[in-house]
């Protein structure tokens, strides 16, 4: 019988979120204008160490706008990891382009740089790199291929707030970086997204596209077709409060990941995502790989739930999903990781006792 219920994720609203949201309500600035929009954008811009930041509705539309800003057209091909959340592939499809899937690197679980070059064709325009579960991809190796074939690189950093690659925070390494602020993210606005870049012309184009295409200097003049992808001032107010405690949010994830490793290091039948010495893992989700052949991943999750612990499966690889099913092509690492991985509860409110209980239950379930 479960002692208590531990959700896989929960937001940590421990700062000025309520104060700032009430300020929006009292002032009447609840839509897509208001002081918190600029405050959130500027704070996140400084956090990432970039020159431009554009808030938007969510992480998926951030990817969509980034691709549109880079002039992705129908018929283009964009290389993406097969092991990712479906939004990465969907955003490419929204543009009429084709996502071309790449297998995973077995240690970090990210897109395998060695597998990229063989998939480049005359139609290939760019690469979307996903920093999976918060671990940065090997950007130098990816850029070596991108420069050789004149490809752009977008960083899908939805899961990697504050992660670093060789001392530089992710998001500002590629031509464009995109983030999600969904309720389970390290920094949240409930729903929300951000696009970052160091390219001034590209930033202006993307800001115009996310605001219905309105000319940035001429109100209600629409020279291009755009989208209503604007963040609300209320959501941004939550984001401002979250950014005031961003370092705390990141440290809590690091601490929880450290506890998990300490508690689970001697447990047989599982392994962890690597943390390379050139990276700082953001630990969005502490995810394990079930190595025990006789243990079914979904059965293990059911056993954990019986003990009051919610978990979540790893992402099904894109090549396995009906809209993107790929025939006669093998993605062995992505398949293995996607079907054998489980994310354990990972959020700032967890205590050491919670992690100890989760680890004990996992050990018991694996042995049972």
Protein backbone atom coordinates (compact mmCIF):
# COMPACT_ATOMS: atom_id res chain seq x y z
CA UNK A 1 0.00 0.00 0.00
CA UNK A 2 1.36 3.43 -0.95
CA UNK A 3 2.61 5.57 1.93
CA UNK A 4 1.96 8.78 0.00
CA UNK A 5 1.67 10.01 -3.57
CA UNK A 6 4.65 11.65 -5.31
CA UNK A 7 3.87 13.19 -8.71
CA UNK A 8 6.44 13.03 -11.47
CA UNK A 9 6.49 16.83 -11.61
CA UNK A 10 5.00 19.90 -9.95
CA UNK A 11 5.73 23.63 -10.31
CA UNK A 12 7.64 25.41 -7.56
CA UNK A 13 5.92 28.79 -7.13
CA UNK A 14 7.94 29.99 -4.16
CA UNK A 15 8.72 33.60 -5.09
CA UNK A 16 6.79 36.66 -6.22
CA UNK A 17 4.49 34.85 -8.65
CA UNK A 18 1.29 35.69 -6.79
CA UNK A 19 2.32 39.30 -6.20
CA UNK A 20 3.12 39.95 -9.85
CA UNK A 21 0.02 38.19 -11.19
CA UNK A 22 -2.18 40.22 -8.86
CA UNK A 23 -0.42 43.34 -10.10
CA UNK A 24 -1.49 42.39 -13.65
CA UNK A 25 -5.08 41.88 -12.49
CA UNK A 26 -5.17 45.14 -10.52
CA UNK A 27 -3.66 47.14 -13.38
CA UNK A 28 -5.78 45.50 -16.09
CA UNK A 29 -2.71 44.55 -18.15
CA UNK A 30 -3.58 40.89 -18.69
CA UNK A 31 -3.12 40.43 -22.46
CA UNK A 32 0.01 40.55 -24.62
CA UNK A 33 1.12 44.04 -23.58
CA UNK A 34 2.47 45.13 -20.23
CA UNK A 35 5.68 45.67 -18.32
CA UNK A 36 6.26 42.03 -17.44
CA UNK A 37 6.73 41.03 -21.08
CA UNK A 38 9.82 43.20 -21.42
CA UNK A 39 11.05 42.33 -17.93
CA UNK A 40 10.82 38.62 -18.67
CA UNK A 41 12.44 38.92 -22.08
CA UNK A 42 15.31 41.04 -20.77
CA UNK A 43 15.86 38.77 -17.78
CA UNK A 44 15.95 35.66 -19.92
CA UNK A 45 18.20 37.38 -22.45
CA UNK A 46 20.71 38.10 -19.69
CA UNK A 47 20.34 34.57 -18.32
CA UNK A 48 21.27 33.02 -21.68
CA UNK A 49 23.94 35.59 -22.51
CA UNK A 50 22.36 36.54 -25.85
CA UNK A 51 21.48 39.80 -27.57
CA UNK A 52 17.82 39.15 -28.45
CA UNK A 53 14.90 37.30 -26.84
CA UNK A 54 11.33 37.00 -28.11
CA UNK A 55 8.59 35.65 -25.85
CA UNK A 56 5.82 33.55 -27.35
CA UNK A 57 2.95 31.23 -26.52
CA UNK A 58 4.86 27.97 -26.00
CA UNK A 59 7.96 26.05 -26.98
CA UNK A 60 6.39 24.49 -30.06
CA UNK A 61 5.54 27.82 -31.67
CA UNK A 62 9.01 29.05 -30.71
CA UNK A 63 10.39 26.31 -32.96
CA UNK A 64 7.86 27.14 -35.68
CA UNK A 65 8.77 30.83 -35.69
CA UNK A 66 12.49 29.99 -35.67
CA UNK A 67 12.07 27.82 -38.75
CA UNK A 68 9.97 30.47 -40.50
CA UNK A 69 12.53 33.10 -39.61
CA UNK A 70 15.21 30.99 -41.28
CA UNK A 71 12.97 30.79 -44.36
CA UNK A 72 12.29 27.06 -44.27
CA UNK A 73 10.08 26.20 -47.25
CA UNK A 74 7.90 23.29 -48.38
CA UNK A 75 10.11 20.52 -49.69
CA UNK A 76 13.08 21.41 -47.49
CA UNK A 77 14.59 18.75 -45.25
CA UNK A 78 15.52 19.39 -41.62
CA UNK A 79 17.62 16.90 -39.67
CA UNK A 80 16.20 16.16 -36.21
CA UNK A 81 16.86 13.48 -33.60
CA UNK A 82 14.39 10.63 -33.68
CA UNK A 83 14.45 10.56 -29.87
CA UNK A 84 12.67 13.77 -28.93
CA UNK A 85 9.28 15.12 -27.98
CA UNK A 86 6.97 15.22 -30.99
CA UNK A 87 6.92 19.05 -31.10
CA UNK A 88 10.38 19.05 -32.69
CA UNK A 89 9.15 17.13 -35.73
CA UNK A 90 5.74 18.83 -35.77
CA UNK A 91 7.22 22.31 -36.09
CA UNK A 92 9.14 21.21 -39.19
CA UNK A 93 5.96 19.74 -40.66
CA UNK A 94 4.03 22.99 -40.02
CA UNK A 95 6.39 24.63 -42.53
CA UNK A 96 5.69 22.00 -45.17
CA UNK A 97 9.22 20.69 -44.73
CA UNK A 98 10.28 17.11 -44.04
CA UNK A 99 11.89 16.03 -40.75
CA UNK A 100 14.69 13.57 -41.44
CA UNK A 101 15.47 11.50 -38.38
CA UNK A 102 18.89 10.81 -36.90
CA UNK A 103 19.77 8.10 -34.40
CA UNK A 104 20.97 8.84 -30.86
CA UNK A 105 24.40 8.83 -29.32
CA UNK A 106 24.36 6.09 -26.65
CA UNK A 107 25.94 7.97 -23.74
CA UNK A 108 24.25 11.39 -23.72
CA UNK A 109 21.19 10.11 -25.65
CA UNK A 110 21.35 13.18 -27.92
CA UNK A 111 21.55 13.36 -31.70
CA UNK A 112 24.56 11.39 -32.92
CA UNK A 113 26.93 13.74 -34.79
CA UNK A 114 28.52 10.78 -36.59
CA UNK A 115 25.17 9.86 -38.12
CA UNK A 116 24.29 13.32 -39.44
CA UNK A 117 26.49 13.64 -42.52
CA UNK A 118 25.13 10.51 -44.22
CA UNK A 119 21.61 12.00 -44.17
CA UNK A 120 22.48 15.32 -45.83
CA UNK A 121 20.96 15.75 -49.30
CA UNK A 122 20.66 18.72 -51.68
CA UNK A 123 17.33 19.50 -49.97
CA UNK A 124 18.78 19.67 -46.45
CA UNK A 125 18.56 23.17 -44.94
CA UNK A 126 19.41 22.75 -41.30
CA UNK A 127 19.68 20.75 -38.10
CA UNK A 128 17.53 20.96 -34.97
CA UNK A 129 19.55 19.87 -31.98
CA UNK A 130 17.62 18.79 -28.86
CA UNK A 131 19.38 18.95 -25.49
CA UNK A 132 17.51 15.88 -24.27
CA UNK A 133 16.36 15.86 -20.64
CA UNK A 134 18.76 18.75 -20.01
CA UNK A 135 22.10 17.37 -21.26
CA UNK A 136 23.70 19.46 -24.04
CA UNK A 137 24.42 17.85 -27.37
CA UNK A 138 27.97 17.77 -28.75
CA UNK A 139 27.77 21.15 -30.47
CA UNK A 140 31.33 21.32 -31.88
CA UNK A 141 30.90 18.02 -33.70
CA UNK A 142 27.48 19.12 -34.98
CA UNK A 143 28.78 22.46 -36.20
CA UNK A 144 31.61 20.73 -38.06
CA UNK A 145 28.99 19.00 -40.21
CA UNK A 146 26.78 22.10 -40.43
CA UNK A 147 29.59 24.34 -41.68
CA UNK A 148 30.70 21.77 -44.25
CA UNK A 149 27.22 21.61 -45.76
CA UNK A 150 26.13 25.22 -45.09
CA UNK A 151 23.34 24.22 -42.69
CA UNK A 152 21.75 26.31 -39.95
CA UNK A 153 21.57 24.94 -36.40
CA UNK A 154 18.58 25.49 -34.12
CA UNK A 155 18.88 24.52 -30.46
CA UNK A 156 15.70 23.04 -29.03
CA UNK A 157 16.53 23.82 -25.41
CA UNK A 158 12.99 23.29 -24.09
CA UNK A 159 14.33 20.89 -21.45
CA UNK A 160 17.67 22.53 -20.73
CA UNK A 161 17.29 25.88 -18.95
CA UNK A 162 20.72 26.83 -17.63
CA UNK A 163 22.61 23.86 -19.06
CA UNK A 164 26.07 24.71 -20.37
CA UNK A 165 28.24 23.44 -23.20
CA UNK A 166 31.94 24.14 -22.61
CA UNK A 167 31.03 26.96 -20.24
CA UNK A 168 28.42 28.60 -22.47
CA UNK A 169 24.72 28.39 -21.70
CA UNK A 170 22.68 26.58 -24.30
CA UNK A 171 20.33 28.54 -26.54
CA UNK A 172 22.90 31.07 -27.69
CA UNK A 173 25.24 28.61 -29.40
CA UNK A 174 23.29 27.96 -32.62
CA UNK A 175 21.75 30.54 -34.93
CA UNK A 176 18.57 30.32 -32.86
CA UNK A 177 17.61 28.76 -29.53
CA UNK A 178 14.11 27.92 -28.35
CA UNK A 179 12.75 27.26 -24.85
CA UNK A 180 9.54 26.01 -23.27
CA UNK A 181 8.04 27.20 -19.99
CA UNK A 182 5.40 24.51 -19.60
CA UNK A 183 4.37 23.71 -16.03
CA UNK A 184 6.91 20.90 -15.59
CA UNK A 185 9.91 22.86 -16.82
CA UNK A 186 12.75 24.18 -14.64
CA UNK A 187 11.45 27.72 -15.19
CA UNK A 188 7.72 27.87 -15.87
CA UNK A 189 5.03 30.33 -16.87
CA UNK A 190 2.31 27.65 -17.03
CA UNK A 191 2.46 27.75 -20.82
CA UNK A 192 5.01 29.85 -22.66
CA UNK A 193 8.09 29.92 -24.83
CA UNK A 194 11.10 32.01 -25.74
CA UNK A 195 13.26 32.40 -28.84
CA UNK A 196 16.82 33.67 -28.45
CA UNK A 197 19.41 34.70 -31.01
CA UNK A 198 22.40 36.97 -31.58
CA UNK A 199 21.24 37.87 -35.12
CA UNK A 200 19.51 41.28 -35.06
CA UNK A 201 17.84 40.97 -38.48
CA UNK A 202 16.57 37.49 -37.70
CA UNK A 203 15.28 38.63 -34.30
CA UNK A 204 13.26 41.45 -35.90
CA UNK A 205 11.79 39.05 -38.46
CA UNK A 206 10.78 36.52 -35.82
CA UNK A 207 9.26 39.20 -33.58
CA UNK A 208 7.16 40.38 -36.52
CA UNK A 209 6.05 36.85 -37.40
CA UNK A 210 4.87 36.05 -33.87
CA UNK A 211 2.83 39.27 -33.73
CA UNK A 212 0.46 38.66 -36.69
CA UNK A 213 3.08 39.98 -39.11
CA UNK A 214 2.56 43.60 -38.08
CA UNK A 215 5.30 46.04 -39.08
CA UNK A 216 7.35 46.78 -35.97
CA UNK A 217 7.51 50.47 -36.89
CA UNK A 218 4.04 51.00 -38.36
CA UNK A 219 1.08 49.98 -36.24
CA UNK A 220 -1.65 47.90 -37.95
CA UNK A 221 0.36 47.64 -41.17
CA UNK A 222 0.85 43.98 -42.09
CA UNK A 223 3.37 43.46 -44.89
CA UNK A 224 3.59 39.69 -44.29
CA UNK A 225 1.32 36.92 -43.05
CA UNK A 226 2.09 36.28 -39.40
CA UNK A 227 0.73 34.40 -36.42
CA UNK A 228 -0.80 35.24 -33.06
CA UNK A 229 1.91 33.62 -30.96
CA UNK A 230 2.18 36.29 -28.28
CA UNK A 231 2.73 35.58 -24.59
CA UNK A 232 0.37 37.24 -22.11
CA UNK A 233 1.55 39.72 -19.50
CA UNK A 234 0.13 37.38 -16.82
CA UNK A 235 2.29 34.49 -17.99
CA UNK A 236 5.31 36.78 -18.23
CA UNK A 237 4.67 37.99 -14.67
CA UNK A 238 5.04 34.39 -13.46
CA UNK A 239 8.18 34.12 -15.57
CA UNK A 240 9.72 37.21 -14.01
CA UNK A 241 9.18 35.76 -10.53
CA UNK A 242 10.66 32.44 -11.67
CA UNK A 243 13.74 34.12 -13.12
CA UNK A 244 14.35 35.94 -9.85
CA UNK A 245 14.94 32.49 -8.35
CA UNK A 246 16.37 30.76 -11.44
CA UNK A 247 19.64 29.84 -9.75
CA UNK A 248 17.71 28.25 -6.88
CA UNK A 249 15.52 26.27 -9.31
CA UNK A 250 18.63 24.97 -11.10
CA UNK A 251 20.47 24.10 -7.89
CA UNK A 252 17.48 22.14 -6.62
CA UNK A 253 17.53 20.00 -9.79
CA UNK A 254 21.25 19.39 -9.41
CA UNK A 255 20.80 18.42 -5.78
CA UNK A 256 17.95 16.02 -6.55
CA UNK A 257 19.96 14.40 -9.36
CA UNK A 258 22.89 14.00 -6.97
CA UNK A 259 20.62 12.31 -4.41
CA UNK A 260 19.28 9.93 -7.04
CA UNK A 261 22.76 8.92 -8.12
CA UNK A 262 23.80 8.33 -4.53
CA UNK A 263 20.71 6.25 -3.76
CA UNK A 264 20.69 4.28 -7.00
CA UNK A 265 24.37 3.73 -7.73
CA UNK A 266 24.33 0.18 -6.35
CA UNK A 267 20.99 -0.83 -7.89
CA UNK A 268 21.46 -3.49 -10.55
CA UNK A 269 19.51 -3.45 -13.79
CA UNK A 270 19.49 0.30 -14.47
CA UNK A 271 21.84 2.91 -15.89
CA UNK A 272 21.84 6.71 -16.15
CA UNK A 273 22.24 9.32 -18.85
CA UNK A 274 25.90 10.34 -18.92
CA UNK A 275 27.12 13.76 -17.86
CA UNK A 276 30.12 14.68 -19.96
CA UNK A 277 32.96 16.75 -18.51
CA UNK A 278 32.32 19.42 -21.17
CA UNK A 279 28.71 19.87 -20.09
CA UNK A 280 26.60 20.99 -17.17
CA UNK A 281 23.41 18.92 -17.13
CA UNK A 282 20.23 20.88 -16.33
CA UNK A 283 18.51 17.75 -14.95
CA UNK A 284 15.04 18.64 -16.18
CA UNK A 285 14.06 15.02 -15.62
CA UNK A 286 16.18 12.40 -13.89
CA UNK A 287 15.75 9.54 -16.31
CA UNK A 288 16.96 5.97 -15.97
CA UNK A 289 17.43 3.23 -18.52
CA UNK A 290 16.02 -0.16 -17.57
CA UNK A 291 18.81 -2.56 -18.52
CA UNK A 292 17.29 -5.67 -16.94
CA UNK A 293 16.13 -7.74 -19.96
CA UNK A 294 13.32 -9.50 -18.12
CA UNK A 295 11.81 -6.28 -16.77
CA UNK A 296 9.14 -4.63 -18.89
CA UNK A 297 9.35 -0.83 -18.69
CA UNK A 298 5.60 -0.29 -18.46
CA UNK A 299 5.22 -3.03 -15.87
CA UNK A 300 7.87 -1.34 -13.75
CA UNK A 301 6.01 1.97 -14.01
CA UNK A 302 2.79 0.27 -12.90
CA UNK A 303 4.54 -1.23 -9.89
CA UNK A 304 5.89 2.18 -8.93
CA UNK A 305 2.44 3.74 -9.22
CA UNK A 306 1.04 1.08 -6.87
CA UNK A 307 3.51 2.44 -4.33
CA UNK A 308 2.35 6.01 -4.86
CA UNK A 309 5.09 7.11 -7.24
CA UNK A 310 4.19 8.60 -10.60
CA UNK A 311 6.76 8.13 -13.35
CA UNK A 312 6.72 8.87 -17.07
CA UNK A 313 7.95 6.83 -20.02
CA UNK A 314 10.75 8.01 -22.23
CA UNK A 315 9.74 9.59 -25.51
CA UNK A 316 8.64 7.21 -28.24
CA UNK A 317 11.09 7.83 -31.09
CA UNK A 318 9.61 9.79 -33.97
CA UNK A 319 10.26 7.01 -36.48
CA UNK A 320 7.83 4.79 -34.55
CA UNK A 321 4.91 7.24 -34.47
CA UNK A 322 2.14 6.89 -37.10
CA UNK A 323 2.56 10.37 -38.68
CA UNK A 324 6.31 9.90 -39.05
CA UNK A 325 6.77 6.15 -39.39
CA UNK A 326 9.93 5.29 -41.31
CA UNK A 327 10.23 2.03 -43.22
CA UNK A 328 13.42 0.13 -44.01
CA UNK A 329 15.64 2.30 -41.83
CA UNK A 330 17.08 1.38 -38.46
CA UNK A 331 17.47 3.64 -35.42
CA UNK A 332 18.68 1.06 -32.88
CA UNK A 333 19.92 3.39 -30.15
CA UNK A 334 16.91 5.71 -30.23
CA UNK A 335 14.58 2.71 -30.20
CA UNK A 336 16.30 1.12 -27.24
CA UNK A 337 16.46 4.36 -25.25
CA UNK A 338 12.89 5.35 -26.03
CA UNK A 339 11.35 2.01 -25.07
CA UNK A 340 13.51 1.29 -22.01
CA UNK A 341 13.71 4.68 -20.27
CA UNK A 342 11.71 6.01 -17.33
CA UNK A 343 11.74 9.50 -15.82
CA UNK A 344 11.53 9.55 -12.05
CA UNK A 345 9.89 12.40 -10.10
CA UNK A 346 12.02 15.50 -10.61
CA UNK A 347 10.90 18.86 -9.24
CA UNK A 348 12.14 21.42 -6.77
CA UNK A 349 9.80 20.46 -3.95
CA UNK A 350 11.21 16.95 -3.46
CA UNK A 351 12.98 16.17 -0.21
CA UNK A 352 15.87 13.81 0.44
CA UNK A 353 13.36 11.50 2.16
CA UNK A 354 11.19 11.51 -1.00
CA UNK A 355 14.15 10.50 -3.14
CA UNK A 356 15.18 7.83 -0.66
CA UNK A 357 11.65 6.39 -0.72
CA UNK A 358 11.51 6.47 -4.53
CA UNK A 359 14.87 4.68 -4.74
CA UNK A 360 13.80 2.04 -2.23
CA UNK A 361 10.60 1.39 -4.15
CA UNK A 362 12.47 1.18 -7.45
CA UNK A 363 14.88 -1.36 -5.97
CA UNK A 364 11.97 -3.38 -4.62
CA UNK A 365 10.12 -3.29 -7.96
CA UNK A 366 13.18 -4.36 -9.90
CA UNK A 367 13.80 -7.29 -7.57
CA UNK A 368 10.16 -8.39 -7.41
